[in-house]
Amino acid sequence: MSEQLENSKLSKDKLASLFFNEYQYRHSLLWSTIKFYIIIIASLYAYPMFSINADDIQKFNFRLIIFPISGFLITFIGWWHIRSEADRFDVVYKKYNEIRGQGNRPTWLYTGKRSFIQQLISESMNKLILSLYFILSLIFFLFGTLMIVDYCFFENQIHPIMYLSILPIPILFIIKFLVTILFNMMVHNKKTVIKDCGNCIKSTENEGA
């Protein structure tokens, strides 16, 4: 009987090791995918301004708009790819935690009352990564497109106030992102307080009995 239990423990440890290797691979692949698309998108917006001289700009003229359009399309391709990789990572991560057991979960998953930073760390990686990717891509699209038009089409010079007028758009999404984290923190802390109060009442009742 004891030999069967030992073999069962051994197979569980081996399975946990296999899932840990897959976890590391998926984690590395996810961040590599994000960096790849961010570099590609940033390069598409920066290329016309830093790699094409003034004479060539006049020759290309309106055709330079292909760079922000390509950046916009690749943003959506990247969104789909990153989301797919994040979903795969999430499956492996949950299975890995399930095999290790509740007592061996990572310490950065704060189960008690959380600060804002602790809540940010404890958020679902899928939602966190996709939200940050969306905000960064939006900033690239808005300001990158304006800069290309401003730099490459001399007849359509853009007043600096135009840059300020679009600034509230990414700021609103950043505020929404921060408010969501804050709301999740408040909900979690409220549940924690209720749970702690329930445990205190049960403890008092047991002592009274």
N, C-alpha and C. Protein backbone atom coordinates (compact mmCIF):
# COMPACT_ATOMS: atom_id res chain seq x y z
N MET A 1 0.84 -1.22 0.00
CA MET A 1 0.00 0.00 0.00
C MET A 1 0.86 1.25 0.00
N SER A 2 1.89 1.25 0.90
CA SER A 2 2.78 2.41 0.98
C SER A 2 3.56 2.61 -0.32
N GLU A 3 3.88 1.50 -1.01
CA GLU A 3 4.59 1.56 -2.29
C GLU A 3 3.72 2.22 -3.36
N GLN A 4 2.42 1.92 -3.35
CA GLN A 4 1.48 2.53 -4.31
C GLN A 4 1.38 4.03 -4.08
N LEU A 5 1.33 4.43 -2.79
CA LEU A 5 1.25 5.86 -2.47
C LEU A 5 2.52 6.58 -2.91
N GLU A 6 3.67 5.91 -2.72
CA GLU A 6 4.94 6.51 -3.12
C GLU A 6 5.02 6.68 -4.64
N ASN A 7 4.54 5.66 -5.37
CA ASN A 7 4.52 5.74 -6.83
C ASN A 7 3.57 6.83 -7.30
N SER A 8 2.43 6.96 -6.61
CA SER A 8 1.45 7.99 -6.96
C SER A 8 2.04 9.37 -6.76
N LYS A 9 2.79 9.55 -5.64
CA LYS A 9 3.44 10.84 -5.35
C LYS A 9 4.50 11.15 -6.39
N LEU A 10 5.25 10.11 -6.76
CA LEU A 10 6.30 10.27 -7.74
C LEU A 10 5.73 10.70 -9.09
N SER A 11 4.63 10.05 -9.50
CA SER A 11 4.02 10.40 -10.79
C SER A 11 3.45 11.82 -10.75
N LYS A 12 2.93 12.21 -9.58
CA LYS A 12 2.40 13.57 -9.44
C LYS A 12 3.51 14.60 -9.54
N ASP A 13 4.66 14.32 -8.89
CA ASP A 13 5.81 15.23 -8.96
C ASP A 13 6.35 15.32 -10.38
N LYS A 14 6.35 14.17 -11.07
CA LYS A 14 6.84 14.16 -12.45
C LYS A 14 5.90 14.96 -13.36
N LEU A 15 4.60 14.79 -13.12
CA LEU A 15 3.60 15.54 -13.90
C LEU A 15 3.73 17.04 -13.64
N ALA A 16 3.96 17.40 -12.37
CA ALA A 16 4.14 18.81 -12.02
C ALA A 16 5.38 19.38 -12.71
N SER A 17 6.43 18.57 -12.78
CA SER A 17 7.67 19.01 -13.45
C SER A 17 7.44 19.24 -14.94
N LEU A 18 6.68 18.33 -15.57
CA LEU A 18 6.37 18.48 -16.99
C LEU A 18 5.56 19.75 -17.25
N PHE A 19 4.57 19.99 -16.38
CA PHE A 19 3.75 21.19 -16.55
C PHE A 19 4.54 22.46 -16.25
N PHE A 20 5.51 22.37 -15.34
CA PHE A 20 6.36 23.53 -15.05
C PHE A 20 7.21 23.89 -16.27
N ASN A 21 7.74 22.87 -16.96
CA ASN A 21 8.51 23.11 -18.18
C ASN A 21 7.63 23.76 -19.25
N GLU A 22 6.39 23.25 -19.38
CA GLU A 22 5.45 23.83 -20.34
C GLU A 22 5.07 25.25 -19.93
N TYR A 23 4.91 25.47 -18.62
CA TYR A 23 4.60 26.80 -18.09
C TYR A 23 5.70 27.80 -18.46
N GLN A 24 6.96 27.40 -18.25
CA GLN A 24 8.08 28.28 -18.58
C GLN A 24 8.12 28.59 -20.08
N TYR A 25 7.88 27.55 -20.89
CA TYR A 25 7.89 27.72 -22.35
C TYR A 25 6.78 28.68 -22.79
N ARG A 26 5.56 28.46 -22.27
CA ARG A 26 4.42 29.31 -22.64
C ARG A 26 4.61 30.75 -22.17
N HIS A 27 5.18 30.91 -20.98
CA HIS A 27 5.42 32.25 -20.43
C HIS A 27 6.42 33.00 -21.30
N SER A 28 7.52 32.33 -21.66
CA SER A 28 8.55 32.93 -22.50
C SER A 28 8.00 33.26 -23.89
N LEU A 29 7.21 32.31 -24.45
CA LEU A 29 6.63 32.51 -25.78
C LEU A 29 5.65 33.69 -25.80
N LEU A 30 4.87 33.83 -24.74
CA LEU A 30 3.89 34.91 -24.66
C LEU A 30 4.58 36.26 -24.68
N TRP A 31 5.61 36.44 -23.85
CA TRP A 31 6.31 37.73 -23.81
C TRP A 31 7.10 37.98 -25.09
N SER A 32 7.64 36.94 -25.69
CA SER A 32 8.35 37.10 -26.98
C SER A 32 7.39 37.56 -28.07
N THR A 33 6.19 37.00 -28.07
CA THR A 33 5.17 37.39 -29.05
C THR A 33 4.78 38.85 -28.89
N ILE A 34 4.60 39.27 -27.64
CA ILE A 34 4.24 40.67 -27.37
C ILE A 34 5.34 41.61 -27.85
N LYS A 35 6.59 41.29 -27.49
CA LYS A 35 7.72 42.14 -27.90
C LYS A 35 7.84 42.20 -29.42
N PHE A 36 7.62 41.07 -30.07
CA PHE A 36 7.71 41.01 -31.53
C PHE A 36 6.73 41.99 -32.18
N TYR A 37 5.46 41.94 -31.77
CA TYR A 37 4.45 42.80 -32.39
C TYR A 37 4.64 44.27 -32.03
N ILE A 38 5.06 44.55 -30.80
CA ILE A 38 5.30 45.94 -30.39
C ILE A 38 6.43 46.54 -31.23
N ILE A 39 7.51 45.78 -31.43
CA ILE A 39 8.65 46.26 -32.23
C ILE A 39 8.22 46.48 -33.68
N ILE A 40 7.47 45.53 -34.25
CA ILE A 40 7.01 45.66 -35.64
C ILE A 40 6.12 46.89 -35.81
N ILE A 41 5.16 47.05 -34.91
CA ILE A 41 4.21 48.17 -35.01
C ILE A 41 4.94 49.50 -34.84
N ALA A 42 5.81 49.58 -33.83
CA ALA A 42 6.56 50.83 -33.59
C ALA A 42 7.45 51.16 -34.80
N SER A 43 8.05 50.13 -35.40
CA SER A 43 8.92 50.35 -36.56
C SER A 43 8.15 50.88 -37.76
N LEU A 44 6.94 50.39 -37.96
CA LEU A 44 6.12 50.84 -39.10
C LEU A 44 5.77 52.33 -38.99
N TYR A 45 5.53 52.79 -37.75
CA TYR A 45 5.21 54.21 -37.57
C TYR A 45 6.47 55.08 -37.61
N ALA A 46 7.61 54.51 -37.19
CA ALA A 46 8.84 55.31 -37.11
C ALA A 46 9.62 55.35 -38.43
N TYR A 47 9.47 54.31 -39.24
CA TYR A 47 10.29 54.18 -40.45
C TYR A 47 10.20 55.40 -41.39
N PRO A 48 9.02 55.89 -41.75
CA PRO A 48 8.97 57.03 -42.69
C PRO A 48 9.68 58.27 -42.17
N MET A 49 9.69 58.48 -40.86
CA MET A 49 10.27 59.71 -40.30
C MET A 49 11.78 59.62 -40.13
N PHE A 50 12.31 58.43 -39.91
CA PHE A 50 13.73 58.29 -39.60
C PHE A 50 14.55 57.62 -40.70
N SER A 51 13.89 57.05 -41.70
CA SER A 51 14.64 56.31 -42.72
C SER A 51 14.43 56.84 -44.14
N ILE A 52 13.56 57.82 -44.30
CA ILE A 52 13.31 58.38 -45.65
C ILE A 52 13.68 59.86 -45.64
N ASN A 53 14.59 60.26 -46.54
CA ASN A 53 15.00 61.67 -46.55
C ASN A 53 13.94 62.54 -47.23
N ALA A 54 14.12 63.85 -47.14
CA ALA A 54 13.11 64.81 -47.61
C ALA A 54 12.81 64.65 -49.10
N ASP A 55 13.84 64.38 -49.91
CA ASP A 55 13.63 64.25 -51.36
C ASP A 55 12.77 63.02 -51.68
N ASP A 56 13.07 61.91 -51.02
CA ASP A 56 12.31 60.69 -51.26
C ASP A 56 10.88 60.80 -50.75
N ILE A 57 10.71 61.57 -49.69
CA ILE A 57 9.36 61.78 -49.14
C ILE A 57 8.46 62.42 -50.19
N GLN A 58 9.00 63.37 -50.92
CA GLN A 58 8.23 64.04 -51.98
C GLN A 58 7.85 63.06 -53.09
N LYS A 59 8.72 62.09 -53.36
CA LYS A 59 8.43 61.10 -54.40
C LYS A 59 7.34 60.12 -53.94
N PHE A 60 7.46 59.67 -52.69
CA PHE A 60 6.46 58.75 -52.15
C PHE A 60 5.10 59.41 -51.99
N ASN A 61 5.13 60.63 -51.48
CA ASN A 61 3.92 61.43 -51.24
C ASN A 61 2.85 60.62 -50.50
N PHE A 62 1.64 60.52 -51.07
CA PHE A 62 0.51 59.95 -50.37
C PHE A 62 0.66 58.45 -50.09
N ARG A 63 1.58 57.81 -50.86
CA ARG A 63 1.75 56.36 -50.68
C ARG A 63 2.32 56.01 -49.31
N LEU A 64 2.88 56.99 -48.61
CA LEU A 64 3.44 56.74 -47.28
C LEU A 64 2.37 56.38 -46.26
N ILE A 65 1.12 56.63 -46.61
CA ILE A 65 0.03 56.30 -45.69
C ILE A 65 -0.07 54.78 -45.49
N ILE A 66 0.62 54.01 -46.36
CA ILE A 66 0.61 52.56 -46.23
C ILE A 66 1.23 52.11 -44.91
N PHE A 67 2.14 52.93 -44.34
CA PHE A 67 2.80 52.54 -43.08
C PHE A 67 1.83 52.55 -41.90
N PRO A 68 1.07 53.64 -41.66
CA PRO A 68 0.10 53.57 -40.56
C PRO A 68 -1.03 52.56 -40.80
N ILE A 69 -1.41 52.38 -42.08
CA ILE A 69 -2.44 51.38 -42.38
C ILE A 69 -1.94 49.98 -42.05
N SER A 70 -0.68 49.70 -42.43
CA SER A 70 -0.08 48.38 -42.11
C SER A 70 0.04 48.20 -40.60
N GLY A 71 0.44 49.27 -39.91
CA GLY A 71 0.54 49.20 -38.45
C GLY A 71 -0.80 48.89 -37.81
N PHE A 72 -1.86 49.50 -38.35
CA PHE A 72 -3.21 49.29 -37.83
C PHE A 72 -3.65 47.84 -38.04
N LEU A 73 -3.38 47.29 -39.23
CA LEU A 73 -3.78 45.90 -39.54
C LEU A 73 -2.99 44.90 -38.70
N ILE A 74 -1.68 45.13 -38.56
CA ILE A 74 -0.84 44.23 -37.78
C ILE A 74 -1.21 44.26 -36.31
N THR A 75 -1.72 45.41 -35.84
CA THR A 75 -2.19 45.52 -34.46
C THR A 75 -3.29 44.48 -34.20
N PHE A 76 -4.23 44.34 -35.12
CA PHE A 76 -5.33 43.37 -34.94
C PHE A 76 -4.84 41.94 -35.08
N ILE A 77 -3.89 41.71 -36.00
CA ILE A 77 -3.30 40.37 -36.12
C ILE A 77 -2.58 40.02 -34.82
N GLY A 78 -1.83 40.99 -34.29
CA GLY A 78 -1.12 40.79 -33.03
C GLY A 78 -2.07 40.53 -31.88
N TRP A 79 -3.19 41.25 -31.85
CA TRP A 79 -4.20 41.05 -30.81
C TRP A 79 -4.69 39.60 -30.80
N TRP A 80 -5.03 39.10 -31.98
CA TRP A 80 -5.52 37.73 -32.10
C TRP A 80 -4.45 36.73 -31.68
N HIS A 81 -3.21 36.93 -32.14
CA HIS A 81 -2.11 36.01 -31.83
C HIS A 81 -1.79 36.03 -30.33
N ILE A 82 -1.67 37.21 -29.75
CA ILE A 82 -1.35 37.34 -28.32
C ILE A 82 -2.45 36.74 -27.46
N ARG A 83 -3.69 36.98 -27.86
CA ARG A 83 -4.81 36.42 -27.10
C ARG A 83 -4.79 34.89 -27.14
N SER A 84 -4.48 34.32 -28.30
CA SER A 84 -4.39 32.87 -28.43
C SER A 84 -3.29 32.30 -27.53
N GLU A 85 -2.12 32.95 -27.55
CA GLU A 85 -1.00 32.49 -26.71
C GLU A 85 -1.33 32.66 -25.22
N ALA A 86 -2.02 33.76 -24.88
CA ALA A 86 -2.40 34.00 -23.48
C ALA A 86 -3.39 32.95 -22.99
N ASP A 87 -4.32 32.55 -23.85
CA ASP A 87 -5.29 31.50 -23.48
C ASP A 87 -4.58 30.17 -23.25
N ARG A 88 -3.62 29.84 -24.11
CA ARG A 88 -2.87 28.59 -23.94
C ARG A 88 -2.05 28.62 -22.65
N PHE A 89 -1.43 29.78 -22.39
CA PHE A 89 -0.65 29.93 -21.16
C PHE A 89 -1.56 29.76 -19.93
N ASP A 90 -2.75 30.34 -19.99
CA ASP A 90 -3.68 30.29 -18.87
C ASP A 90 -4.10 28.85 -18.54
N VAL A 91 -4.33 28.04 -19.58
CA VAL A 91 -4.71 26.64 -19.38
C VAL A 91 -3.60 25.88 -18.65
N VAL A 92 -2.35 26.06 -19.13
CA VAL A 92 -1.22 25.38 -18.52
C VAL A 92 -1.00 25.87 -17.09
N TYR A 93 -1.12 27.17 -16.88
CA TYR A 93 -0.90 27.76 -15.56
C TYR A 93 -1.91 27.22 -14.53
N LYS A 94 -3.17 27.17 -14.92
CA LYS A 94 -4.21 26.66 -14.01
C LYS A 94 -4.00 25.18 -13.69
N LYS A 95 -3.64 24.41 -14.71
CA LYS A 95 -3.41 22.97 -14.50
C LYS A 95 -2.20 22.76 -13.60
N TYR A 96 -1.17 23.56 -13.80
CA TYR A 96 0.05 23.46 -12.98
C TYR A 96 -0.26 23.74 -11.51
N ASN A 97 -1.05 24.80 -11.25
CA ASN A 97 -1.45 25.13 -9.87
C ASN A 97 -2.33 24.04 -9.27
N GLU A 98 -3.18 23.46 -10.11
CA GLU A 98 -4.08 22.39 -9.64
C GLU A 98 -3.28 21.17 -9.18
N ILE A 99 -2.23 20.82 -9.93
CA ILE A 99 -1.40 19.67 -9.59
C ILE A 99 -0.59 19.94 -8.32
N ARG A 100 -0.06 21.15 -8.19
CA ARG A 100 0.75 21.49 -7.02
C ARG A 100 -0.07 21.53 -5.74
N GLY A 101 -1.35 21.92 -5.87
CA GLY A 101 -2.20 22.01 -4.68
C GLY A 101 -2.26 23.43 -4.17
N GLN A 102 -3.28 23.73 -3.40
CA GLN A 102 -3.54 25.07 -2.89
C GLN A 102 -2.38 25.59 -2.02
N GLY A 103 -1.80 24.67 -1.23
CA GLY A 103 -0.74 25.09 -0.30
C GLY A 103 0.55 25.49 -0.98
N ASN A 104 0.73 25.08 -2.24
CA ASN A 104 1.98 25.38 -2.95
C ASN A 104 1.82 26.45 -4.03
N ARG A 105 0.73 27.18 -3.99
CA ARG A 105 0.52 28.24 -4.98
C ARG A 105 1.53 29.37 -4.74
N PRO A 106 1.89 30.14 -5.77
CA PRO A 106 2.89 31.19 -5.61
C PRO A 106 2.47 32.24 -4.59
N THR A 107 3.46 32.78 -3.85
CA THR A 107 3.17 33.71 -2.77
C THR A 107 2.66 35.06 -3.26
N TRP A 108 2.89 35.39 -4.55
CA TRP A 108 2.45 36.71 -5.03
C TRP A 108 0.95 36.74 -5.33
N LEU A 109 0.25 35.59 -5.22
CA LEU A 109 -1.20 35.62 -5.34
C LEU A 109 -1.78 35.94 -3.95
N TYR A 110 -1.94 37.23 -3.70
CA TYR A 110 -2.36 37.69 -2.38
C TYR A 110 -3.81 37.31 -2.11
N THR A 111 -4.01 36.47 -1.08
CA THR A 111 -5.36 36.03 -0.75
C THR A 111 -6.03 36.91 0.30
N GLY A 112 -5.21 37.65 1.08
CA GLY A 112 -5.77 38.56 2.08
C GLY A 112 -6.13 39.90 1.45
N LYS A 113 -6.25 40.93 2.29
CA LYS A 113 -6.53 42.27 1.78
C LYS A 113 -5.36 42.75 0.92
N ARG A 114 -5.69 43.38 -0.20
CA ARG A 114 -4.66 43.76 -1.16
C ARG A 114 -4.52 45.27 -1.29
N SER A 115 -3.29 45.71 -1.56
CA SER A 115 -3.05 47.09 -1.98
C SER A 115 -3.26 47.15 -3.49
N PHE A 116 -3.16 48.34 -4.08
CA PHE A 116 -3.36 48.48 -5.52
C PHE A 116 -2.32 47.66 -6.29
N ILE A 117 -1.05 47.74 -5.86
CA ILE A 117 0.03 47.00 -6.53
C ILE A 117 -0.20 45.50 -6.41
N GLN A 118 -0.60 45.05 -5.24
CA GLN A 118 -0.86 43.62 -5.05
C GLN A 118 -2.01 43.13 -5.93
N GLN A 119 -3.03 43.97 -6.09
CA GLN A 119 -4.15 43.62 -6.97
C GLN A 119 -3.69 43.55 -8.42
N LEU A 120 -2.85 44.50 -8.82
CA LEU A 120 -2.31 44.53 -10.19
C LEU A 120 -1.54 43.25 -10.48
N ILE A 121 -0.72 42.81 -9.53
CA ILE A 121 0.08 41.60 -9.70
C ILE A 121 -0.82 40.36 -9.75
N SER A 122 -1.93 40.40 -8.99
CA SER A 122 -2.81 39.23 -8.88
C SER A 122 -3.85 39.15 -9.99
N GLU A 123 -3.91 40.16 -10.87
CA GLU A 123 -4.89 40.15 -11.95
C GLU A 123 -4.60 39.02 -12.94
N SER A 124 -5.62 38.63 -13.69
CA SER A 124 -5.44 37.63 -14.75
C SER A 124 -4.46 38.16 -15.78
N MET A 125 -3.43 37.37 -16.07
CA MET A 125 -2.41 37.80 -17.02
C MET A 125 -3.01 38.07 -18.41
N ASN A 126 -4.00 37.26 -18.79
CA ASN A 126 -4.66 37.45 -20.10
C ASN A 126 -5.20 38.87 -20.22
N LYS A 127 -6.05 39.26 -19.25
CA LYS A 127 -6.70 40.57 -19.30
C LYS A 127 -5.68 41.70 -19.19
N LEU A 128 -4.69 41.50 -18.32
CA LEU A 128 -3.69 42.54 -18.08
C LEU A 128 -2.87 42.81 -19.33
N ILE A 129 -2.38 41.74 -19.95
CA ILE A 129 -1.54 41.87 -21.15
C ILE A 129 -2.32 42.48 -22.31
N LEU A 130 -3.54 41.98 -22.54
CA LEU A 130 -4.33 42.48 -23.66
C LEU A 130 -4.73 43.94 -23.47
N SER A 131 -5.00 44.34 -22.22
CA SER A 131 -5.34 45.74 -21.93
C SER A 131 -4.15 46.65 -22.21
N LEU A 132 -2.97 46.27 -21.73
CA LEU A 132 -1.77 47.08 -21.94
C LEU A 132 -1.37 47.12 -23.42
N TYR A 133 -1.52 45.99 -24.10
CA TYR A 133 -1.23 45.94 -25.53
C TYR A 133 -2.15 46.87 -26.31
N PHE A 134 -3.44 46.86 -25.96
CA PHE A 134 -4.42 47.72 -26.63
C PHE A 134 -4.09 49.20 -26.42
N ILE A 135 -3.77 49.58 -25.16
CA ILE A 135 -3.46 50.98 -24.85
C ILE A 135 -2.21 51.43 -25.60
N LEU A 136 -1.17 50.60 -25.59
CA LEU A 136 0.07 50.96 -26.28
C LEU A 136 -0.14 51.06 -27.79
N SER A 137 -0.89 50.12 -28.35
CA SER A 137 -1.18 50.15 -29.80
C SER A 137 -2.00 51.38 -30.18
N LEU A 138 -2.93 51.76 -29.32
CA LEU A 138 -3.75 52.95 -29.57
C LEU A 138 -2.88 54.21 -29.60
N ILE A 139 -1.93 54.30 -28.66
CA ILE A 139 -1.02 55.45 -28.63
C ILE A 139 -0.18 55.50 -29.90
N PHE A 140 0.34 54.34 -30.32
CA PHE A 140 1.12 54.28 -31.57
C PHE A 140 0.28 54.74 -32.75
N PHE A 141 -0.95 54.26 -32.83
CA PHE A 141 -1.80 54.57 -33.97
C PHE A 141 -2.14 56.07 -34.03
N LEU A 142 -2.58 56.62 -32.91
CA LEU A 142 -3.01 58.02 -32.89
C LEU A 142 -1.85 58.97 -33.17
N PHE A 143 -0.80 58.86 -32.37
CA PHE A 143 0.30 59.80 -32.50
C PHE A 143 1.23 59.45 -33.66
N GLY A 144 1.40 58.16 -33.94
CA GLY A 144 2.24 57.75 -35.07
C GLY A 144 1.67 58.22 -36.40
N THR A 145 0.36 58.06 -36.57
CA THR A 145 -0.30 58.49 -37.82
C THR A 145 -0.21 60.00 -37.98
N LEU A 146 -0.46 60.73 -36.91
CA LEU A 146 -0.38 62.20 -36.98
C LEU A 146 1.03 62.66 -37.32
N MET A 147 2.02 62.01 -36.72
CA MET A 147 3.41 62.41 -36.97
C MET A 147 3.82 62.13 -38.41
N ILE A 148 3.35 60.99 -38.96
CA ILE A 148 3.66 60.67 -40.37
C ILE A 148 3.04 61.71 -41.30
N VAL A 149 1.77 62.02 -41.05
CA VAL A 149 1.09 63.02 -41.88
C VAL A 149 1.77 64.37 -41.75
N ASP A 150 2.14 64.73 -40.53
CA ASP A 150 2.77 66.03 -40.27
C ASP A 150 4.15 66.12 -40.91
N TYR A 151 4.92 65.02 -40.83
CA TYR A 151 6.29 65.02 -41.31
C TYR A 151 6.40 64.81 -42.82
N CYS A 152 5.52 63.98 -43.35
CA CYS A 152 5.67 63.54 -44.74
C CYS A 152 4.88 64.36 -45.75
N PHE A 153 3.82 65.05 -45.32
CA PHE A 153 3.00 65.81 -46.26
C PHE A 153 3.10 67.29 -45.91
N PHE A 154 4.03 67.96 -46.58
CA PHE A 154 4.32 69.36 -46.25
C PHE A 154 3.12 70.27 -46.44
N GLU A 155 2.22 69.89 -47.35
CA GLU A 155 1.06 70.75 -47.63
C GLU A 155 -0.01 70.58 -46.55
N ASN A 156 0.14 69.58 -45.69
CA ASN A 156 -0.85 69.34 -44.64
C ASN A 156 -0.21 69.42 -43.25
N GLN A 157 0.47 70.53 -42.98
CA GLN A 157 1.11 70.69 -41.68
C GLN A 157 0.06 70.73 -40.56
N ILE A 158 0.32 69.98 -39.51
CA ILE A 158 -0.63 69.85 -38.41
C ILE A 158 -0.22 70.77 -37.26
N HIS A 159 -1.18 71.51 -36.76
CA HIS A 159 -0.93 72.40 -35.63
C HIS A 159 -0.66 71.56 -34.38
N PRO A 160 0.29 72.01 -33.53
CA PRO A 160 0.60 71.24 -32.30
C PRO A 160 -0.62 71.00 -31.41
N ILE A 161 -1.62 71.88 -31.50
CA ILE A 161 -2.82 71.71 -30.67
C ILE A 161 -3.56 70.42 -31.01
N MET A 162 -3.33 69.92 -32.25
CA MET A 162 -3.99 68.68 -32.68
C MET A 162 -3.49 67.50 -31.85
N TYR A 163 -2.19 67.51 -31.53
CA TYR A 163 -1.64 66.44 -30.71
C TYR A 163 -2.27 66.46 -29.32
N LEU A 164 -2.46 67.66 -28.79
CA LEU A 164 -3.07 67.79 -27.46
C LEU A 164 -4.53 67.37 -27.47
N SER A 165 -5.20 67.61 -28.62
CA SER A 165 -6.63 67.29 -28.69
C SER A 165 -6.91 65.80 -28.67
N ILE A 166 -5.94 64.97 -29.15
CA ILE A 166 -6.16 63.52 -29.14
C ILE A 166 -5.60 62.87 -27.88
N LEU A 167 -4.87 63.65 -27.08
CA LEU A 167 -4.27 63.11 -25.86
C LEU A 167 -5.30 62.53 -24.88
N PRO A 168 -6.50 63.16 -24.74
CA PRO A 168 -7.48 62.59 -23.80
C PRO A 168 -7.95 61.17 -24.14
N ILE A 169 -7.84 60.77 -25.43
CA ILE A 169 -8.33 59.43 -25.82
C ILE A 169 -7.54 58.33 -25.11
N PRO A 170 -6.18 58.29 -25.25
CA PRO A 170 -5.45 57.25 -24.50
C PRO A 170 -5.52 57.43 -22.99
N ILE A 171 -5.61 58.69 -22.53
CA ILE A 171 -5.70 58.95 -21.09
C ILE A 171 -6.98 58.34 -20.52
N LEU A 172 -8.09 58.44 -21.27
CA LEU A 172 -9.36 57.86 -20.82
C LEU A 172 -9.26 56.34 -20.67
N PHE A 173 -8.58 55.69 -21.63
CA PHE A 173 -8.42 54.24 -21.56
C PHE A 173 -7.48 53.84 -20.40
N ILE A 174 -6.46 54.66 -20.16
CA ILE A 174 -5.56 54.39 -19.04
C ILE A 174 -6.32 54.53 -17.72
N ILE A 175 -7.15 55.58 -17.61
CA ILE A 175 -7.96 55.78 -16.40
C ILE A 175 -8.93 54.62 -16.21
N LYS A 176 -9.57 54.18 -17.30
CA LYS A 176 -10.50 53.04 -17.23
C LYS A 176 -9.76 51.79 -16.73
N PHE A 177 -8.55 51.57 -17.24
CA PHE A 177 -7.74 50.43 -16.82
C PHE A 177 -7.44 50.49 -15.32
N LEU A 178 -7.03 51.67 -14.84
CA LEU A 178 -6.68 51.84 -13.42
C LEU A 178 -7.91 51.71 -12.52
N VAL A 179 -9.04 52.28 -12.99
CA VAL A 179 -10.28 52.19 -12.22
C VAL A 179 -10.75 50.74 -12.09
N THR A 180 -10.60 49.96 -13.17
CA THR A 180 -10.97 48.54 -13.14
C THR A 180 -10.16 47.78 -12.10
N ILE A 181 -8.84 48.04 -12.06
CA ILE A 181 -7.97 47.41 -11.07
C ILE A 181 -8.41 47.81 -9.66
N LEU A 182 -8.69 49.11 -9.48
CA LEU A 182 -9.11 49.63 -8.17
C LEU A 182 -10.44 49.00 -7.73
N PHE A 183 -11.37 48.87 -8.69
CA PHE A 183 -12.68 48.26 -8.39
C PHE A 183 -12.51 46.80 -7.97
N ASN A 184 -11.67 46.06 -8.73
CA ASN A 184 -11.41 44.66 -8.40
C ASN A 184 -10.78 44.52 -7.01
N MET A 185 -9.90 45.47 -6.68
CA MET A 185 -9.26 45.47 -5.36
C MET A 185 -10.30 45.67 -4.26
N MET A 186 -11.21 46.62 -4.45
CA MET A 186 -12.24 46.91 -3.46
C MET A 186 -13.18 45.72 -3.27
N VAL A 187 -13.57 45.08 -4.38
CA VAL A 187 -14.45 43.90 -4.31
C VAL A 187 -13.76 42.77 -3.56
N HIS A 188 -12.48 42.53 -3.90
CA HIS A 188 -11.73 41.46 -3.23
C HIS A 188 -11.59 41.74 -1.74
N ASN A 189 -11.23 42.98 -1.38
CA ASN A 189 -11.05 43.32 0.03
C ASN A 189 -12.35 43.23 0.82
N LYS A 190 -13.46 43.59 0.15
CA LYS A 190 -14.77 43.48 0.81
C LYS A 190 -15.10 42.02 1.10
N LYS A 191 -14.84 41.14 0.13
CA LYS A 191 -15.09 39.71 0.32
C LYS A 191 -14.19 39.15 1.42
N THR A 192 -12.95 39.64 1.47
CA THR A 192 -12.00 39.18 2.49
C THR A 192 -12.48 39.55 3.89
N VAL A 193 -12.97 40.82 4.02
CA VAL A 193 -13.47 41.29 5.32
C VAL A 193 -14.68 40.45 5.76
N ILE A 194 -15.60 40.20 4.83
CA ILE A 194 -16.80 39.39 5.14
C ILE A 194 -16.40 37.97 5.55
N LYS A 195 -15.42 37.41 4.83
CA LYS A 195 -14.95 36.05 5.13
C LYS A 195 -14.30 36.00 6.50
N ASP A 196 -13.47 37.03 6.80
CA ASP A 196 -12.80 37.08 8.11
C ASP A 196 -13.81 37.23 9.25
N CYS A 197 -14.83 38.06 9.02
CA CYS A 197 -15.89 38.25 10.02
C CYS A 197 -16.63 36.94 10.27
N GLY A 198 -16.92 36.21 9.18
CA GLY A 198 -17.59 34.91 9.30
C GLY A 198 -16.77 33.92 10.09
N ASN A 199 -15.44 33.92 9.85
CA ASN A 199 -14.55 33.02 10.59
C ASN A 199 -14.49 33.38 12.07
N CYS A 200 -14.52 34.72 12.35
CA CYS A 200 -14.50 35.19 13.74
C CYS A 200 -15.76 34.76 14.49
N ILE A 201 -16.91 34.87 13.81
CA ILE A 201 -18.19 34.48 14.43
C ILE A 201 -18.20 32.98 14.73
N LYS A 202 -17.72 32.17 13.76
CA LYS A 202 -17.67 30.72 13.96
C LYS A 202 -16.74 30.35 15.11
N SER A 203 -15.60 31.07 15.17
CA SER A 203 -14.63 30.82 16.24
C SER A 203 -15.22 31.13 17.61
N THR A 204 -15.96 32.28 17.67
CA THR A 204 -16.61 32.68 18.94
C THR A 204 -17.66 31.68 19.36
N GLU A 205 -18.44 31.19 18.38
CA GLU A 205 -19.49 30.21 18.67
C GLU A 205 -18.89 28.90 19.18
N ASN A 206 -17.75 28.50 18.58
CA ASN A 206 -17.09 27.26 19.01
C ASN A 206 -16.54 27.39 20.43
N GLU A 207 -16.01 28.60 20.74
CA GLU A 207 -15.49 28.83 22.09
C GLU A 207 -16.63 28.84 23.11
N GLY A 208 -17.80 29.39 22.73
CA GLY A 208 -18.96 29.45 23.62
C GLY A 208 -19.52 28.07 23.89
N ALA A 209 -19.44 27.22 22.86
CA ALA A 209 -19.94 25.85 23.03
C ALA A 209 -19.01 25.04 23.94
